[in-house]
Amino acid sequence: MASKEHSVSNFLIAGSNMVPIVLSGFILIHVMKMLNVSEVYIIILFLFIYIFSGDLLYMLFDYTPSTLLNENLTSFMNQSAHFDYRLWVTGIVISVISLLIGTKRFAKQNIN
């Protein structure tokens, strides 16, 4: 049985690994709402990127949010959580792309 300190440490590491992916999801949804994208399309895109992407994008399999979150959960459950830079890189890339698209498209809209 793992000690309490080790369990808390694993939980904090696994939780911090999820922060960039979750934050990128919020940013993506916010940008799409600001661009007046239909909620149905937002849900479809969100499901594709964050849930089905690991199964559909074999070339980028190791960097898809669904795969990374599953691996993070597995390592947490096995008491072997470790800092994983791939989660941070993926979250930052999704966030930056979302913000760039949002900025470019939002700048073209008239504000009345």
C-alpha atoms as a PDB file:
ATOM      1  CA  MET A   1       0.000   0.000   0.000  1.00  0.00           C
ATOM      2  CA  ALA A   2       1.368   3.395  -0.931  1.00  0.00           C
ATOM      3  CA  SER A   3       1.997   5.950   1.774  1.00  0.00           C
ATOM      4  CA  LYS A   4      -0.229   9.002   2.113  1.00  0.00           C
ATOM      5  CA  GLU A   5       2.582  11.320   1.083  1.00  0.00           C
ATOM      6  CA  HIS A   6       3.268   9.315  -2.066  1.00  0.00           C
ATOM      7  CA  SER A   7      -0.452   9.223  -2.927  1.00  0.00           C
ATOM      8  CA  VAL A   8      -0.792  12.987  -2.480  1.00  0.00           C
ATOM      9  CA  SER A   9       2.340  13.559  -4.556  1.00  0.00           C
ATOM     10  CA  ASN A  10       0.994  11.331  -7.355  1.00  0.00           C
ATOM     11  CA  PHE A  11      -2.346  13.141  -7.234  1.00  0.00           C
ATOM     12  CA  LEU A  12      -0.732  16.593  -7.459  1.00  0.00           C
ATOM     13  CA  ILE A  13       1.524  15.548 -10.332  1.00  0.00           C
ATOM     14  CA  ALA A  14      -1.339  13.931 -12.260  1.00  0.00           C
ATOM     15  CA  GLY A  15      -3.552  16.949 -11.578  1.00  0.00           C
ATOM     16  CA  SER A  16      -0.918  19.422 -12.736  1.00  0.00           C
ATOM     17  CA  ASN A  17      -0.417  17.371 -15.911  1.00  0.00           C
ATOM     18  CA  MET A  18      -4.117  17.825 -16.733  1.00  0.00           C
ATOM     19  CA  VAL A  19      -4.122  21.621 -16.294  1.00  0.00           C
ATOM     20  CA  PRO A  20      -2.904  22.583 -19.804  1.00  0.00           C
ATOM     21  CA  ILE A  21      -5.280  20.200 -21.588  1.00  0.00           C
ATOM     22  CA  VAL A  22      -8.297  21.341 -19.563  1.00  0.00           C
ATOM     23  CA  LEU A  23      -7.314  25.004 -19.963  1.00  0.00           C
ATOM     24  CA  SER A  24      -6.930  24.563 -23.722  1.00  0.00           C
ATOM     25  CA  GLY A  25     -10.458  23.121 -23.824  1.00  0.00           C
ATOM     26  CA  PHE A  26     -11.853  26.190 -22.065  1.00  0.00           C
ATOM     27  CA  ILE A  27      -9.931  28.496 -24.398  1.00  0.00           C
ATOM     28  CA  LEU A  28     -11.125  26.619 -27.480  1.00  0.00           C
ATOM     29  CA  ILE A  29     -14.761  26.779 -26.378  1.00  0.00           C
ATOM     30  CA  HIS A  30     -14.477  30.470 -25.456  1.00  0.00           C
ATOM     31  CA  VAL A  31     -12.950  31.390 -28.815  1.00  0.00           C
ATOM     32  CA  MET A  32     -15.632  29.487 -30.697  1.00  0.00           C
ATOM     33  CA  LYS A  33     -18.393  31.155 -28.656  1.00  0.00           C
ATOM     34  CA  MET A  34     -16.867  34.589 -29.355  1.00  0.00           C
ATOM     35  CA  LEU A  35     -16.954  33.772 -33.076  1.00  0.00           C
ATOM     36  CA  ASN A  36     -20.659  32.864 -32.821  1.00  0.00           C
ATOM     37  CA  VAL A  37     -20.116  29.227 -33.791  1.00  0.00           C
ATOM     38  CA  SER A  38     -23.188  27.072 -33.216  1.00  0.00           C
ATOM     39  CA  GLU A  39     -23.157  25.046 -29.994  1.00  0.00           C
ATOM     40  CA  VAL A  40     -23.667  21.839 -31.965  1.00  0.00           C
ATOM     41  CA  TYR A  41     -20.465  22.478 -33.939  1.00  0.00           C
ATOM     42  CA  ILE A  42     -18.627  23.366 -30.734  1.00  0.00           C
ATOM     43  CA  ILE A  43     -19.646  20.068 -29.150  1.00  0.00           C
ATOM     44  CA  ILE A  44     -18.718  18.078 -32.262  1.00  0.00           C
ATOM     45  CA  LEU A  45     -15.288  19.739 -32.532  1.00  0.00           C
ATOM     46  CA  PHE A  46     -14.657  19.370 -28.795  1.00  0.00           C
ATOM     47  CA  LEU A  47     -15.550  15.661 -28.870  1.00  0.00           C
ATOM     48  CA  PHE A  48     -13.367  15.115 -31.923  1.00  0.00           C
ATOM     49  CA  ILE A  49     -10.318  16.881 -30.482  1.00  0.00           C
ATOM     50  CA  TYR A  50     -10.505  15.725 -26.868  1.00  0.00           C
ATOM     51  CA  ILE A  51     -12.101  12.275 -27.051  1.00  0.00           C
ATOM     52  CA  PHE A  52     -11.904  10.691 -30.510  1.00  0.00           C
ATOM     53  CA  SER A  53      -8.642  12.197 -31.720  1.00  0.00           C
ATOM     54  CA  GLY A  54      -6.474   9.400 -30.329  1.00  0.00           C
ATOM     55  CA  ASP A  55      -8.361   6.777 -32.300  1.00  0.00           C
ATOM     56  CA  LEU A  56      -8.581   8.782 -35.527  1.00  0.00           C
ATOM     57  CA  LEU A  57      -5.149  10.402 -35.779  1.00  0.00           C
ATOM     58  CA  TYR A  58      -2.680   7.533 -35.768  1.00  0.00           C
ATOM     59  CA  MET A  59       0.309   9.641 -36.832  1.00  0.00           C
ATOM     60  CA  LEU A  60      -0.038  11.988 -33.862  1.00  0.00           C
ATOM     61  CA  PHE A  61      -1.294   9.297 -31.501  1.00  0.00           C
ATOM     62  CA  ASP A  62       1.138  10.078 -28.686  1.00  0.00           C
ATOM     63  CA  TYR A  63       0.182  13.760 -28.616  1.00  0.00           C
ATOM     64  CA  THR A  64      -3.619  13.598 -28.824  1.00  0.00           C
ATOM     65  CA  PRO A  65      -5.461  14.856 -25.731  1.00  0.00           C
ATOM     66  CA  SER A  66      -7.452  11.651 -25.304  1.00  0.00           C
ATOM     67  CA  THR A  67      -4.323   9.484 -25.312  1.00  0.00           C
ATOM     68  CA  LEU A  68      -2.411  11.794 -22.988  1.00  0.00           C
ATOM     69  CA  LEU A  69      -5.271  12.018 -20.486  1.00  0.00           C
ATOM     70  CA  ASN A  70      -5.700   8.229 -20.520  1.00  0.00           C
ATOM     71  CA  GLU A  71      -1.975   7.712 -19.919  1.00  0.00           C
ATOM     72  CA  ASN A  72      -2.023  10.282 -17.122  1.00  0.00           C
ATOM     73  CA  LEU A  73      -4.929   8.490 -15.426  1.00  0.00           C
ATOM     74  CA  THR A  74      -3.247   5.109 -15.851  1.00  0.00           C
ATOM     75  CA  SER A  75       0.021   6.311 -14.330  1.00  0.00           C
ATOM     76  CA  PHE A  76      -1.902   7.894 -11.443  1.00  0.00           C
ATOM     77  CA  MET A  77      -3.796   4.659 -10.772  1.00  0.00           C
ATOM     78  CA  ASN A  78      -0.526   2.689 -10.914  1.00  0.00           C
ATOM     79  CA  GLN A  79       1.032   5.074  -8.362  1.00  0.00           C
ATOM     80  CA  SER A  80       3.667   6.065 -10.912  1.00  0.00           C
ATOM     81  CA  ALA A  81       2.608   9.596 -11.871  1.00  0.00           C
ATOM     82  CA  HIS A  82       5.383  11.749 -13.293  1.00  0.00           C
ATOM     83  CA  PHE A  83       5.631  15.145 -14.943  1.00  0.00           C
ATOM     84  CA  ASP A  84       4.870  14.696 -18.633  1.00  0.00           C
ATOM     85  CA  TYR A  85       5.925  17.521 -20.937  1.00  0.00           C
ATOM     86  CA  ARG A  86       3.705  16.164 -23.747  1.00  0.00           C
ATOM     87  CA  LEU A  87       0.562  17.258 -21.905  1.00  0.00           C
ATOM     88  CA  TRP A  88       1.940  20.768 -21.542  1.00  0.00           C
ATOM     89  CA  VAL A  89       3.097  20.964 -25.163  1.00  0.00           C
ATOM     90  CA  THR A  90      -0.250  19.716 -26.461  1.00  0.00           C
ATOM     91  CA  GLY A  91      -2.246  22.057 -24.221  1.00  0.00           C
ATOM     92  CA  ILE A  92      -0.138  25.064 -25.142  1.00  0.00           C
ATOM     93  CA  VAL A  93      -0.298  24.275 -28.879  1.00  0.00           C
ATOM     94  CA  ILE A  94      -4.101  23.908 -28.830  1.00  0.00           C
ATOM     95  CA  SER A  95      -4.435  27.103 -26.769  1.00  0.00           C
ATOM     96  CA  VAL A  96      -2.156  29.160 -29.019  1.00  0.00           C
ATOM     97  CA  ILE A  97      -3.824  27.933 -32.217  1.00  0.00           C
ATOM     98  CA  SER A  98      -7.271  28.662 -30.770  1.00  0.00           C
ATOM     99  CA  LEU A  99      -6.244  32.137 -29.651  1.00  0.00           C
ATOM    100  CA  LEU A 100      -4.602  32.954 -32.985  1.00  0.00           C
ATOM    101  CA  ILE A 101      -7.658  31.856 -34.947  1.00  0.00           C
ATOM    102  CA  GLY A 102      -9.937  33.738 -32.578  1.00  0.00           C
ATOM    103  CA  THR A 103      -7.880  36.903 -32.726  1.00  0.00           C
ATOM    104  CA  LYS A 104      -7.643  36.856 -36.501  1.00  0.00           C
ATOM    105  CA  ARG A 105     -11.350  36.159 -37.046  1.00  0.00           C
ATOM    106  CA  PHE A 106     -12.580  38.436 -34.248  1.00  0.00           C
ATOM    107  CA  ALA A 107     -10.514  41.363 -35.542  1.00  0.00           C
ATOM    108  CA  LYS A 108     -12.424  41.170 -38.850  1.00  0.00           C
ATOM    109  CA  GLN A 109     -15.852  41.452 -37.202  1.00  0.00           C
ATOM    110  CA  ASN A 110     -17.684  44.741 -36.733  1.00  0.00           C
ATOM    111  CA  ILE A 111     -18.579  45.485 -33.142  1.00  0.00           C
ATOM    112  CA  ASN A 112     -21.960  47.229 -32.957  1.00  0.00           C
END
